[in-house]
N, C-alpha and C. Protein backbone atom coordinates (compact mmCIF):
# COMPACT_ATOMS: atom_id res chain seq x y z
N MET A 1 72.16 17.52 42.90
CA MET A 1 71.53 16.42 42.20
C MET A 1 70.47 15.81 43.13
N THR A 2 69.31 15.53 42.57
CA THR A 2 68.23 14.97 43.37
C THR A 2 68.38 13.46 43.52
N ASN A 3 67.66 12.88 44.49
CA ASN A 3 67.66 11.42 44.66
C ASN A 3 67.14 10.73 43.41
N ASP A 4 66.14 11.34 42.76
CA ASP A 4 65.60 10.75 41.54
C ASP A 4 66.65 10.72 40.43
N GLN A 5 67.44 11.78 40.33
CA GLN A 5 68.50 11.80 39.32
C GLN A 5 69.56 10.76 39.63
N VAL A 6 69.91 10.60 40.89
CA VAL A 6 70.90 9.59 41.29
C VAL A 6 70.39 8.21 40.90
N THR A 7 69.12 7.94 41.16
CA THR A 7 68.53 6.65 40.80
C THR A 7 68.57 6.43 39.29
N LEU A 8 68.16 7.44 38.54
CA LEU A 8 68.16 7.34 37.07
C LEU A 8 69.56 7.06 36.55
N TYR A 9 70.55 7.80 37.04
CA TYR A 9 71.93 7.61 36.56
C TYR A 9 72.47 6.24 36.94
N ALA A 10 72.10 5.75 38.11
CA ALA A 10 72.55 4.41 38.52
C ALA A 10 71.96 3.34 37.60
N ILE A 11 70.68 3.47 37.29
CA ILE A 11 70.04 2.50 36.39
C ILE A 11 70.63 2.58 35.00
N GLN A 12 70.84 3.80 34.52
CA GLN A 12 71.46 3.97 33.21
C GLN A 12 72.86 3.35 33.16
N GLY A 13 73.59 3.45 34.27
CA GLY A 13 74.92 2.86 34.34
C GLY A 13 74.88 1.35 34.27
N VAL A 14 73.92 0.75 34.96
CA VAL A 14 73.76 -0.71 34.91
C VAL A 14 73.45 -1.14 33.49
N ILE A 15 72.53 -0.43 32.84
CA ILE A 15 72.16 -0.77 31.47
C ILE A 15 73.35 -0.60 30.53
N ARG A 16 74.09 0.47 30.71
CA ARG A 16 75.26 0.74 29.86
C ARG A 16 76.30 -0.38 29.96
N ASP A 17 76.37 -1.03 31.12
CA ASP A 17 77.36 -2.09 31.32
C ASP A 17 76.91 -3.45 30.79
N LEU A 18 75.68 -3.54 30.33
CA LEU A 18 75.18 -4.81 29.79
C LEU A 18 75.78 -5.07 28.41
N PRO A 19 75.84 -6.34 28.01
CA PRO A 19 76.22 -6.63 26.62
C PRO A 19 75.21 -5.98 25.67
N GLU A 20 75.66 -5.67 24.47
CA GLU A 20 74.83 -4.94 23.50
C GLU A 20 73.46 -5.57 23.30
N PHE A 21 73.37 -6.90 23.12
CA PHE A 21 72.08 -7.53 22.85
C PHE A 21 71.13 -7.39 24.04
N GLN A 22 71.65 -7.43 25.25
CA GLN A 22 70.80 -7.23 26.42
C GLN A 22 70.38 -5.77 26.56
N ARG A 23 71.29 -4.87 26.26
CA ARG A 23 70.99 -3.44 26.32
C ARG A 23 69.87 -3.10 25.34
N GLN A 24 69.94 -3.66 24.14
CA GLN A 24 68.90 -3.42 23.15
C GLN A 24 67.56 -3.99 23.61
N GLY A 25 67.59 -5.12 24.29
CA GLY A 25 66.36 -5.69 24.84
C GLY A 25 65.73 -4.79 25.89
N VAL A 26 66.56 -4.19 26.72
CA VAL A 26 66.06 -3.26 27.74
C VAL A 26 65.45 -2.04 27.07
N TYR A 27 66.13 -1.49 26.06
CA TYR A 27 65.61 -0.31 25.36
C TYR A 27 64.30 -0.62 24.65
N LEU A 28 64.19 -1.82 24.08
CA LEU A 28 62.95 -2.21 23.42
C LEU A 28 61.81 -2.32 24.43
N ALA A 29 62.08 -2.97 25.56
CA ALA A 29 61.06 -3.09 26.61
C ALA A 29 60.63 -1.72 27.12
N ALA A 30 61.58 -0.82 27.31
CA ALA A 30 61.27 0.53 27.78
C ALA A 30 60.40 1.27 26.76
N ALA A 31 60.71 1.11 25.49
CA ALA A 31 59.91 1.76 24.45
C ALA A 31 58.48 1.23 24.46
N LYS A 32 58.33 -0.07 24.64
CA LYS A 32 56.99 -0.66 24.68
C LYS A 32 56.22 -0.19 25.91
N LEU A 33 56.90 -0.08 27.04
CA LEU A 33 56.25 0.44 28.25
C LEU A 33 55.80 1.88 28.04
N ARG A 34 56.64 2.68 27.40
CA ARG A 34 56.26 4.07 27.13
C ARG A 34 55.04 4.14 26.21
N GLU A 35 54.96 3.23 25.23
CA GLU A 35 53.79 3.19 24.34
C GLU A 35 52.52 2.89 25.13
N VAL A 36 52.60 1.92 26.05
CA VAL A 36 51.43 1.57 26.86
C VAL A 36 51.03 2.76 27.73
N LEU A 37 52.01 3.39 28.35
CA LEU A 37 51.72 4.54 29.20
C LEU A 37 51.07 5.66 28.40
N GLN A 38 51.56 5.91 27.21
CA GLN A 38 50.99 6.97 26.37
C GLN A 38 49.58 6.60 25.91
N ALA A 39 49.37 5.35 25.56
CA ALA A 39 48.06 4.92 25.05
C ALA A 39 46.98 4.94 26.12
N HIS A 40 47.38 4.75 27.37
CA HIS A 40 46.40 4.63 28.45
C HIS A 40 46.42 5.78 29.44
N ASN A 41 47.24 6.78 29.17
CA ASN A 41 47.28 8.01 29.97
C ASN A 41 47.36 7.71 31.47
N ASP A 42 46.47 8.33 32.25
CA ASP A 42 46.51 8.17 33.70
C ASP A 42 46.29 6.73 34.13
N HIS A 43 45.44 6.01 33.41
CA HIS A 43 45.22 4.60 33.75
C HIS A 43 46.51 3.80 33.57
N GLY A 44 47.24 4.09 32.51
CA GLY A 44 48.50 3.41 32.26
C GLY A 44 49.52 3.70 33.34
N LEU A 45 49.59 4.94 33.76
CA LEU A 45 50.54 5.32 34.80
C LEU A 45 50.20 4.66 36.13
N LEU A 46 48.92 4.63 36.45
CA LEU A 46 48.49 3.98 37.69
C LEU A 46 48.73 2.47 37.62
N ALA A 47 48.47 1.87 36.48
CA ALA A 47 48.73 0.44 36.30
C ALA A 47 50.23 0.14 36.43
N PHE A 48 51.05 1.02 35.87
CA PHE A 48 52.50 0.86 35.97
C PHE A 48 52.95 0.93 37.43
N ALA A 49 52.40 1.87 38.18
CA ALA A 49 52.70 1.99 39.61
C ALA A 49 52.25 0.74 40.36
N LEU A 50 51.08 0.21 40.00
CA LEU A 50 50.57 -1.00 40.63
C LEU A 50 51.52 -2.18 40.42
N VAL A 51 51.92 -2.38 39.19
CA VAL A 51 52.84 -3.49 38.89
C VAL A 51 54.17 -3.30 39.61
N GLY A 52 54.68 -2.08 39.64
CA GLY A 52 55.92 -1.81 40.35
C GLY A 52 55.81 -2.13 41.83
N ALA A 53 54.69 -1.73 42.43
CA ALA A 53 54.48 -2.03 43.86
C ALA A 53 54.34 -3.53 44.09
N GLU A 54 53.65 -4.22 43.19
CA GLU A 54 53.52 -5.67 43.33
C GLU A 54 54.88 -6.36 43.25
N LEU A 55 55.72 -5.92 42.33
CA LEU A 55 57.06 -6.49 42.21
C LEU A 55 57.89 -6.19 43.45
N GLN A 56 57.73 -5.01 43.99
CA GLN A 56 58.45 -4.63 45.22
C GLN A 56 58.06 -5.56 46.36
N VAL A 57 56.77 -5.82 46.52
CA VAL A 57 56.28 -6.69 47.60
C VAL A 57 56.80 -8.12 47.39
N GLU A 58 56.84 -8.55 46.13
CA GLU A 58 57.32 -9.90 45.83
C GLU A 58 58.84 -10.00 45.90
N GLY A 59 59.50 -8.87 46.04
CA GLY A 59 60.96 -8.88 46.14
C GLY A 59 61.66 -9.09 44.81
N LYS A 60 61.01 -8.71 43.70
CA LYS A 60 61.58 -8.93 42.38
C LYS A 60 62.10 -7.66 41.73
N SER A 61 62.22 -6.61 42.51
CA SER A 61 62.71 -5.37 41.88
C SER A 61 64.08 -5.03 42.40
């Protein structure tokens, strides 16, 4: 198993343990993020990476 798979499974486990209404909120947010990424192709992916890095620096991830 790769490190990326371990990370994915850990995140999925956290989400699975949430109450149903919170879990649905996470799935909705993920779907919206996927729509933005698809609509903006490489620009969307780079913007997503930018926001992730900004959150990392701010200590919010």
